[in-house]
């Protein structure tokens, strides 16, 4: 696997790429493919979140867990699926909350790339998955890598809004400097959370924080 990643992130994370665990991770993925396993997202999209949101553009971070494991869904951005692919249940609930929070109507588009281009890092904590097997790559080293990403943002950026949905995302609070950044917590948007996500108003709150810091707010409407 060739590591194709945007230059500012490549520089920021070079130490991670040089560590033994990352070499093991890459070897594991090569072995999976050599063994006939189908891996999502496609190789060229594994680092798409970094490509669309360079280090100096990060305003907010939405943490996901691992990629969707069905054909045509995973595209390297947390919660996002390509336009034309039906929105998974969690994404549907995100859109419902946006409509309620901001009083706007979403178009039905499901590709969140416009958010990423405005500075929302759509980061899954695990960047690959085996077809049909959720969490199948959860222990191959990706979490060490993405923890390093979160720590880098915490240490080197200022005033980033971290949207932590669900207990897994909330577990990352310990590596975020709350004196420099903002943390918004809510239940996961999955239907399994019984609707506890609704009413969090994270989208208006994020924009309020950004505007208060003199930054351009995010246009959440798709």
C-alpha atoms as a PDB file:
ATOM      1  CA  UNK A   1       0.000   0.000   0.000  1.00  0.00           C
ATOM      2  CA  UNK A   2       1.426   3.317  -1.076  1.00  0.00           C
ATOM      3  CA  UNK A   3       0.764   5.990   1.549  1.00  0.00           C
ATOM      4  CA  UNK A   4      -0.703   8.844  -0.489  1.00  0.00           C
ATOM      5  CA  UNK A   5      -1.406  11.694   1.883  1.00  0.00           C
ATOM      6  CA  UNK A   6      -1.577  15.477   1.622  1.00  0.00           C
ATOM      7  CA  UNK A   7       1.815  17.177   2.156  1.00  0.00           C
ATOM      8  CA  UNK A   8       1.080  19.032   5.400  1.00  0.00           C
ATOM      9  CA  UNK A   9      -0.195  15.841   7.026  1.00  0.00           C
ATOM     10  CA  UNK A  10       2.673  13.816   5.605  1.00  0.00           C
ATOM     11  CA  UNK A  11       5.100  16.189   7.286  1.00  0.00           C
ATOM     12  CA  UNK A  12       3.114  16.266  10.532  1.00  0.00           C
ATOM     13  CA  UNK A  13       2.842  12.480  10.761  1.00  0.00           C
ATOM     14  CA  UNK A  14       6.184  11.397   9.323  1.00  0.00           C
ATOM     15  CA  UNK A  15       7.308  10.015  12.687  1.00  0.00           C
ATOM     16  CA  UNK A  16       4.255   7.742  12.736  1.00  0.00           C
ATOM     17  CA  UNK A  17       4.917   6.455   9.218  1.00  0.00           C
ATOM     18  CA  UNK A  18       8.455   5.540  10.332  1.00  0.00           C
ATOM     19  CA  UNK A  19       7.358   3.501  13.365  1.00  0.00           C
ATOM     20  CA  UNK A  20       7.326  -0.319  13.340  1.00  0.00           C
ATOM     21  CA  UNK A  21       3.581  -0.544  14.012  1.00  0.00           C
ATOM     22  CA  UNK A  22       2.822   1.353  10.804  1.00  0.00           C
ATOM     23  CA  UNK A  23       5.036  -0.935   8.746  1.00  0.00           C
ATOM     24  CA  UNK A  24       3.186  -3.886  10.292  1.00  0.00           C
ATOM     25  CA  UNK A  25      -0.156  -2.258   9.457  1.00  0.00           C
ATOM     26  CA  UNK A  26       0.831  -1.814   5.809  1.00  0.00           C
ATOM     27  CA  UNK A  27       2.101  -5.399   5.615  1.00  0.00           C
ATOM     28  CA  UNK A  28      -1.176  -6.656   7.088  1.00  0.00           C
ATOM     29  CA  UNK A  29      -3.177  -4.849   4.408  1.00  0.00           C
ATOM     30  CA  UNK A  30      -0.926  -6.242   1.669  1.00  0.00           C
ATOM     31  CA  UNK A  31      -1.441  -9.757   3.049  1.00  0.00           C
ATOM     32  CA  UNK A  32      -5.208  -9.274   3.228  1.00  0.00           C
ATOM     33  CA  UNK A  33      -5.336  -8.275  -0.423  1.00  0.00           C
ATOM     34  CA  UNK A  34      -2.932 -11.027  -1.483  1.00  0.00           C
ATOM     35  CA  UNK A  35      -5.245 -13.473   0.268  1.00  0.00           C
ATOM     36  CA  UNK A  36      -8.213 -12.310  -1.762  1.00  0.00           C
ATOM     37  CA  UNK A  37      -9.844 -10.169   0.916  1.00  0.00           C
ATOM     38  CA  UNK A  38     -11.816  -7.114  -0.205  1.00  0.00           C
ATOM     39  CA  UNK A  39     -10.875  -4.009   1.756  1.00  0.00           C
ATOM     40  CA  UNK A  40     -12.871  -0.786   2.080  1.00  0.00           C
ATOM     41  CA  UNK A  41     -12.459   2.030   1.265  1.00  0.00           C
ATOM     42  CA  UNK A  42     -10.513   1.690  -2.015  1.00  0.00           C
ATOM     43  CA  UNK A  43      -6.781   2.245  -1.560  1.00  0.00           C
ATOM     44  CA  UNK A  44      -6.762   5.725  -3.053  1.00  0.00           C
ATOM     45  CA  UNK A  45      -9.417   6.910  -0.582  1.00  0.00           C
ATOM     46  CA  UNK A  46      -7.994   5.596   2.701  1.00  0.00           C
ATOM     47  CA  UNK A  47      -6.484   9.003   3.508  1.00  0.00           C
ATOM     48  CA  UNK A  48      -9.141  11.124   1.803  1.00  0.00           C
ATOM     49  CA  UNK A  49     -10.031  13.005   5.005  1.00  0.00           C
ATOM     50  CA  UNK A  50      -6.476  14.316   5.160  1.00  0.00           C
ATOM     51  CA  UNK A  51      -6.396  15.170   1.458  1.00  0.00           C
ATOM     52  CA  UNK A  52      -9.497  17.368   1.706  1.00  0.00           C
ATOM     53  CA  UNK A  53      -8.683  19.024   5.052  1.00  0.00           C
ATOM     54  CA  UNK A  54      -5.017  20.054   5.402  1.00  0.00           C
ATOM     55  CA  UNK A  55      -3.607  20.675   8.868  1.00  0.00           C
ATOM     56  CA  UNK A  56      -3.895  24.458   8.747  1.00  0.00           C
ATOM     57  CA  UNK A  57      -7.534  24.298   7.582  1.00  0.00           C
ATOM     58  CA  UNK A  58      -8.893  22.155  10.441  1.00  0.00           C
ATOM     59  CA  UNK A  59     -11.717  23.953  12.256  1.00  0.00           C
ATOM     60  CA  UNK A  60     -13.683  20.974  13.562  1.00  0.00           C
ATOM     61  CA  UNK A  61     -13.272  17.214  13.891  1.00  0.00           C
ATOM     62  CA  UNK A  62     -16.102  14.667  13.637  1.00  0.00           C
ATOM     63  CA  UNK A  63     -14.874  11.294  14.877  1.00  0.00           C
ATOM     64  CA  UNK A  64     -16.287   8.083  13.499  1.00  0.00           C
ATOM     65  CA  UNK A  65     -15.321   4.540  14.454  1.00  0.00           C
ATOM     66  CA  UNK A  66     -14.525   2.432  11.385  1.00  0.00           C
ATOM     67  CA  UNK A  67     -15.580   2.579   7.724  1.00  0.00           C
ATOM     68  CA  UNK A  68     -18.823   1.214   6.340  1.00  0.00           C
ATOM     69  CA  UNK A  69     -18.301  -2.413   5.319  1.00  0.00           C
ATOM     70  CA  UNK A  70     -20.685  -2.690   2.335  1.00  0.00           C
ATOM     71  CA  UNK A  71     -19.878  -2.225  -1.337  1.00  0.00           C
ATOM     72  CA  UNK A  72     -19.876   1.347  -2.574  1.00  0.00           C
ATOM     73  CA  UNK A  73     -20.268   2.975   0.849  1.00  0.00           C
ATOM     74  CA  UNK A  74     -16.890   3.780   2.446  1.00  0.00           C
ATOM     75  CA  UNK A  75     -15.107   6.736   0.887  1.00  0.00           C
ATOM     76  CA  UNK A  76     -12.517   7.762   3.476  1.00  0.00           C
ATOM     77  CA  UNK A  77     -14.691  10.305   5.315  1.00  0.00           C
ATOM     78  CA  UNK A  78     -16.449   9.477   8.582  1.00  0.00           C
ATOM     79  CA  UNK A  79     -20.245   9.061   8.227  1.00  0.00           C
ATOM     80  CA  UNK A  80     -20.132   9.966   4.510  1.00  0.00           C
ATOM     81  CA  UNK A  81     -21.203   7.834   1.547  1.00  0.00           C
ATOM     82  CA  UNK A  82     -21.037   8.792  -2.141  1.00  0.00           C
ATOM     83  CA  UNK A  83     -23.969  10.694  -3.603  1.00  0.00           C
ATOM     84  CA  UNK A  84     -26.544   8.247  -4.935  1.00  0.00           C
ATOM     85  CA  UNK A  85     -25.875   5.735  -2.164  1.00  0.00           C
ATOM     86  CA  UNK A  86     -28.711   5.560   0.386  1.00  0.00           C
ATOM     87  CA  UNK A  87     -27.846   7.316   3.638  1.00  0.00           C
ATOM     88  CA  UNK A  88     -27.056   4.822   6.413  1.00  0.00           C
ATOM     89  CA  UNK A  89     -29.210   5.181   9.554  1.00  0.00           C
ATOM     90  CA  UNK A  90     -26.661   7.236  11.522  1.00  0.00           C
ATOM     91  CA  UNK A  91     -26.209   9.702   8.664  1.00  0.00           C
ATOM     92  CA  UNK A  92     -29.982  10.043   8.311  1.00  0.00           C
ATOM     93  CA  UNK A  93     -30.145  11.034  11.966  1.00  0.00           C
ATOM     94  CA  UNK A  94     -27.305  13.546  11.538  1.00  0.00           C
ATOM     95  CA  UNK A  95     -29.298  15.190   8.753  1.00  0.00           C
ATOM     96  CA  UNK A  96     -32.475  15.222  10.860  1.00  0.00           C
ATOM     97  CA  UNK A  97     -30.608  16.999  13.651  1.00  0.00           C
ATOM     98  CA  UNK A  98     -29.161  19.564  11.227  1.00  0.00           C
ATOM     99  CA  UNK A  99     -32.623  20.328   9.861  1.00  0.00           C
ATOM    100  CA  UNK A 100     -34.037  20.705  13.367  1.00  0.00           C
ATOM    101  CA  UNK A 101     -31.080  22.656  14.725  1.00  0.00           C
ATOM    102  CA  UNK A 102     -30.607  25.086  11.857  1.00  0.00           C
ATOM    103  CA  UNK A 103     -34.089  25.170  10.350  1.00  0.00           C
ATOM    104  CA  UNK A 104     -32.826  24.177   6.916  1.00  0.00           C
ATOM    105  CA  UNK A 105     -33.739  21.439   4.460  1.00  0.00           C
ATOM    106  CA  UNK A 106     -31.096  18.935   3.365  1.00  0.00           C
ATOM    107  CA  UNK A 107     -31.072  18.030  -0.329  1.00  0.00           C
ATOM    108  CA  UNK A 108     -30.661  14.275  -0.040  1.00  0.00           C
ATOM    109  CA  UNK A 109     -26.978  14.402  -0.960  1.00  0.00           C
ATOM    110  CA  UNK A 110     -24.930  12.013   1.154  1.00  0.00           C
ATOM    111  CA  UNK A 111     -21.350  12.953   0.216  1.00  0.00           C
ATOM    112  CA  UNK A 112     -19.944  15.116   3.022  1.00  0.00           C
ATOM    113  CA  UNK A 113     -16.980  16.363   0.997  1.00  0.00           C
ATOM    114  CA  UNK A 114     -18.271  19.987   1.100  1.00  0.00           C
ATOM    115  CA  UNK A 115     -17.901  19.894   4.902  1.00  0.00           C
ATOM    116  CA  UNK A 116     -14.361  18.541   4.620  1.00  0.00           C
ATOM    117  CA  UNK A 117     -13.379  21.306   2.201  1.00  0.00           C
ATOM    118  CA  UNK A 118     -14.583  23.898   4.737  1.00  0.00           C
ATOM    119  CA  UNK A 119     -12.350  22.552   7.502  1.00  0.00           C
ATOM    120  CA  UNK A 120     -14.280  19.659   9.058  1.00  0.00           C
ATOM    121  CA  UNK A 121     -11.890  16.726   9.462  1.00  0.00           C
ATOM    122  CA  UNK A 122     -14.126  13.672   9.010  1.00  0.00           C
ATOM    123  CA  UNK A 123     -11.885  11.181  10.768  1.00  0.00           C
ATOM    124  CA  UNK A 124     -12.599   7.529  11.389  1.00  0.00           C
ATOM    125  CA  UNK A 125     -10.415   6.151  14.184  1.00  0.00           C
ATOM    126  CA  UNK A 126      -9.902   3.012  12.084  1.00  0.00           C
ATOM    127  CA  UNK A 127      -9.274   3.717   8.410  1.00  0.00           C
ATOM    128  CA  UNK A 128      -9.961   0.353   6.751  1.00  0.00           C
ATOM    129  CA  UNK A 129     -12.310  -2.606   7.117  1.00  0.00           C
ATOM    130  CA  UNK A 130     -12.755  -6.043   5.545  1.00  0.00           C
ATOM    131  CA  UNK A 131     -15.886  -6.414   3.399  1.00  0.00           C
ATOM    132  CA  UNK A 132     -18.857  -7.495   5.466  1.00  0.00           C
ATOM    133  CA  UNK A 133     -16.900  -7.619   8.724  1.00  0.00           C
ATOM    134  CA  UNK A 134     -17.331  -4.511  10.902  1.00  0.00           C
ATOM    135  CA  UNK A 135     -14.388  -3.719  13.192  1.00  0.00           C
ATOM    136  CA  UNK A 136     -12.271  -6.360  11.433  1.00  0.00           C
ATOM    137  CA  UNK A 137      -9.273  -3.981  11.257  1.00  0.00           C
ATOM    138  CA  UNK A 138      -9.802  -2.506  14.714  1.00  0.00           C
ATOM    139  CA  UNK A 139      -6.628  -3.971  16.175  1.00  0.00           C
ATOM    140  CA  UNK A 140      -4.071  -3.665  13.384  1.00  0.00           C
ATOM    141  CA  UNK A 141      -2.613  -0.290  14.415  1.00  0.00           C
ATOM    142  CA  UNK A 142      -4.971   2.306  13.002  1.00  0.00           C
ATOM    143  CA  UNK A 143      -6.074   3.518  16.425  1.00  0.00           C
ATOM    144  CA  UNK A 144      -2.479   4.256  17.393  1.00  0.00           C
ATOM    145  CA  UNK A 145      -2.144   6.225  14.170  1.00  0.00           C
ATOM    146  CA  UNK A 146      -5.350   8.231  14.538  1.00  0.00           C
ATOM    147  CA  UNK A 147      -4.627   8.907  18.219  1.00  0.00           C
ATOM    148  CA  UNK A 148      -1.413  10.504  16.968  1.00  0.00           C
ATOM    149  CA  UNK A 149      -3.496  12.587  14.543  1.00  0.00           C
ATOM    150  CA  UNK A 150      -5.736  13.801  17.368  1.00  0.00           C
ATOM    151  CA  UNK A 151      -2.729  14.583  19.566  1.00  0.00           C
ATOM    152  CA  UNK A 152      -1.076  16.511  16.741  1.00  0.00           C
ATOM    153  CA  UNK A 153      -4.162  18.655  16.250  1.00  0.00           C
ATOM    154  CA  UNK A 154      -4.426  19.164  20.000  1.00  0.00           C
ATOM    155  CA  UNK A 155      -0.782  20.216  20.305  1.00  0.00           C
ATOM    156  CA  UNK A 156      -0.346  22.257  17.125  1.00  0.00           C
ATOM    157  CA  UNK A 157      -3.728  23.791  16.283  1.00  0.00           C
ATOM    158  CA  UNK A 158      -5.896  26.219  18.232  1.00  0.00           C
ATOM    159  CA  UNK A 159      -9.612  26.540  18.841  1.00  0.00           C
ATOM    160  CA  UNK A 160     -10.663  23.335  17.074  1.00  0.00           C
ATOM    161  CA  UNK A 161     -14.171  22.057  17.846  1.00  0.00           C
ATOM    162  CA  UNK A 162     -14.208  18.295  18.520  1.00  0.00           C
ATOM    163  CA  UNK A 163     -17.634  16.685  18.054  1.00  0.00           C
ATOM    164  CA  UNK A 164     -17.581  13.466  20.066  1.00  0.00           C
ATOM    165  CA  UNK A 165     -20.610  11.271  19.445  1.00  0.00           C
ATOM    166  CA  UNK A 166     -20.990   8.138  21.537  1.00  0.00           C
ATOM    167  CA  UNK A 167     -18.821   6.533  24.178  1.00  0.00           C
ATOM    168  CA  UNK A 168     -16.064   5.460  21.817  1.00  0.00           C
ATOM    169  CA  UNK A 169     -15.504   8.980  20.512  1.00  0.00           C
ATOM    170  CA  UNK A 170     -15.794  10.393  24.023  1.00  0.00           C
ATOM    171  CA  UNK A 171     -12.932   8.147  25.100  1.00  0.00           C
ATOM    172  CA  UNK A 172     -10.615  10.407  23.082  1.00  0.00           C
ATOM    173  CA  UNK A 173     -11.192  13.371  25.422  1.00  0.00           C
ATOM    174  CA  UNK A 174      -8.093  12.416  27.397  1.00  0.00           C
ATOM    175  CA  UNK A 175      -5.788  13.236  24.464  1.00  0.00           C
ATOM    176  CA  UNK A 176      -7.346  16.632  23.681  1.00  0.00           C
ATOM    177  CA  UNK A 177      -6.147  19.786  25.435  1.00  0.00           C
ATOM    178  CA  UNK A 178      -9.384  21.324  26.683  1.00  0.00           C
ATOM    179  CA  UNK A 179      -7.563  24.574  27.464  1.00  0.00           C
ATOM    180  CA  UNK A 180      -6.916  25.126  23.744  1.00  0.00           C
ATOM    181  CA  UNK A 181      -9.906  23.449  22.111  1.00  0.00           C
ATOM    182  CA  UNK A 182     -13.652  22.922  22.429  1.00  0.00           C
ATOM    183  CA  UNK A 183     -15.354  19.589  23.032  1.00  0.00           C
ATOM    184  CA  UNK A 184     -19.019  18.947  22.239  1.00  0.00           C
ATOM    185  CA  UNK A 185     -20.373  15.607  23.456  1.00  0.00           C
ATOM    186  CA  UNK A 186     -23.533  13.744  22.519  1.00  0.00           C
ATOM    187  CA  UNK A 187     -24.928  10.260  22.169  1.00  0.00           C
ATOM    188  CA  UNK A 188     -24.110   8.486  18.920  1.00  0.00           C
ATOM    189  CA  UNK A 189     -26.523   9.256  16.054  1.00  0.00           C
ATOM    190  CA  UNK A 190     -27.119   5.524  15.557  1.00  0.00           C
ATOM    191  CA  UNK A 191     -30.754   4.430  16.050  1.00  0.00           C
ATOM    192  CA  UNK A 192     -29.353   2.088  18.709  1.00  0.00           C
ATOM    193  CA  UNK A 193     -28.965   5.171  20.936  1.00  0.00           C
ATOM    194  CA  UNK A 194     -32.738   5.528  21.007  1.00  0.00           C
ATOM    195  CA  UNK A 195     -32.819   9.081  19.711  1.00  0.00           C
ATOM    196  CA  UNK A 196     -30.581  10.482  22.460  1.00  0.00           C
ATOM    197  CA  UNK A 197     -28.535  12.298  19.791  1.00  0.00           C
ATOM    198  CA  UNK A 198     -31.441  14.546  18.884  1.00  0.00           C
ATOM    199  CA  UNK A 199     -31.414  17.980  20.422  1.00  0.00           C
ATOM    200  CA  UNK A 200     -27.628  18.172  20.837  1.00  0.00           C
ATOM    201  CA  UNK A 201     -27.546  21.199  18.488  1.00  0.00           C
ATOM    202  CA  UNK A 202     -23.885  20.573  17.735  1.00  0.00           C
ATOM    203  CA  UNK A 203     -24.072  22.246  14.341  1.00  0.00           C
ATOM    204  CA  UNK A 204     -25.276  25.628  15.553  1.00  0.00           C
ATOM    205  CA  UNK A 205     -22.994  25.360  18.582  1.00  0.00           C
ATOM    206  CA  UNK A 206     -19.973  24.674  16.381  1.00  0.00           C
ATOM    207  CA  UNK A 207     -20.740  27.706  14.241  1.00  0.00           C
ATOM    208  CA  UNK A 208     -21.260  29.865  17.316  1.00  0.00           C
ATOM    209  CA  UNK A 209     -17.827  28.875  18.598  1.00  0.00           C
ATOM    210  CA  UNK A 210     -16.170  29.488  15.227  1.00  0.00           C
ATOM    211  CA  UNK A 211     -17.825  32.884  14.761  1.00  0.00           C
ATOM    212  CA  UNK A 212     -16.870  33.856  18.304  1.00  0.00           C
ATOM    213  CA  UNK A 213     -13.249  33.157  17.380  1.00  0.00           C
ATOM    214  CA  UNK A 214     -13.486  35.205  14.197  1.00  0.00           C
ATOM    215  CA  UNK A 215     -13.567  32.155  11.918  1.00  0.00           C
ATOM    216  CA  UNK A 216     -15.883  31.475   9.006  1.00  0.00           C
ATOM    217  CA  UNK A 217     -18.767  29.224  10.120  1.00  0.00           C
ATOM    218  CA  UNK A 218     -19.484  25.916   8.392  1.00  0.00           C
ATOM    219  CA  UNK A 219     -22.255  25.781   5.802  1.00  0.00           C
ATOM    220  CA  UNK A 220     -23.783  22.456   6.849  1.00  0.00           C
ATOM    221  CA  UNK A 221     -26.428  22.459   4.126  1.00  0.00           C
ATOM    222  CA  UNK A 222     -25.835  19.963   1.323  1.00  0.00           C
END
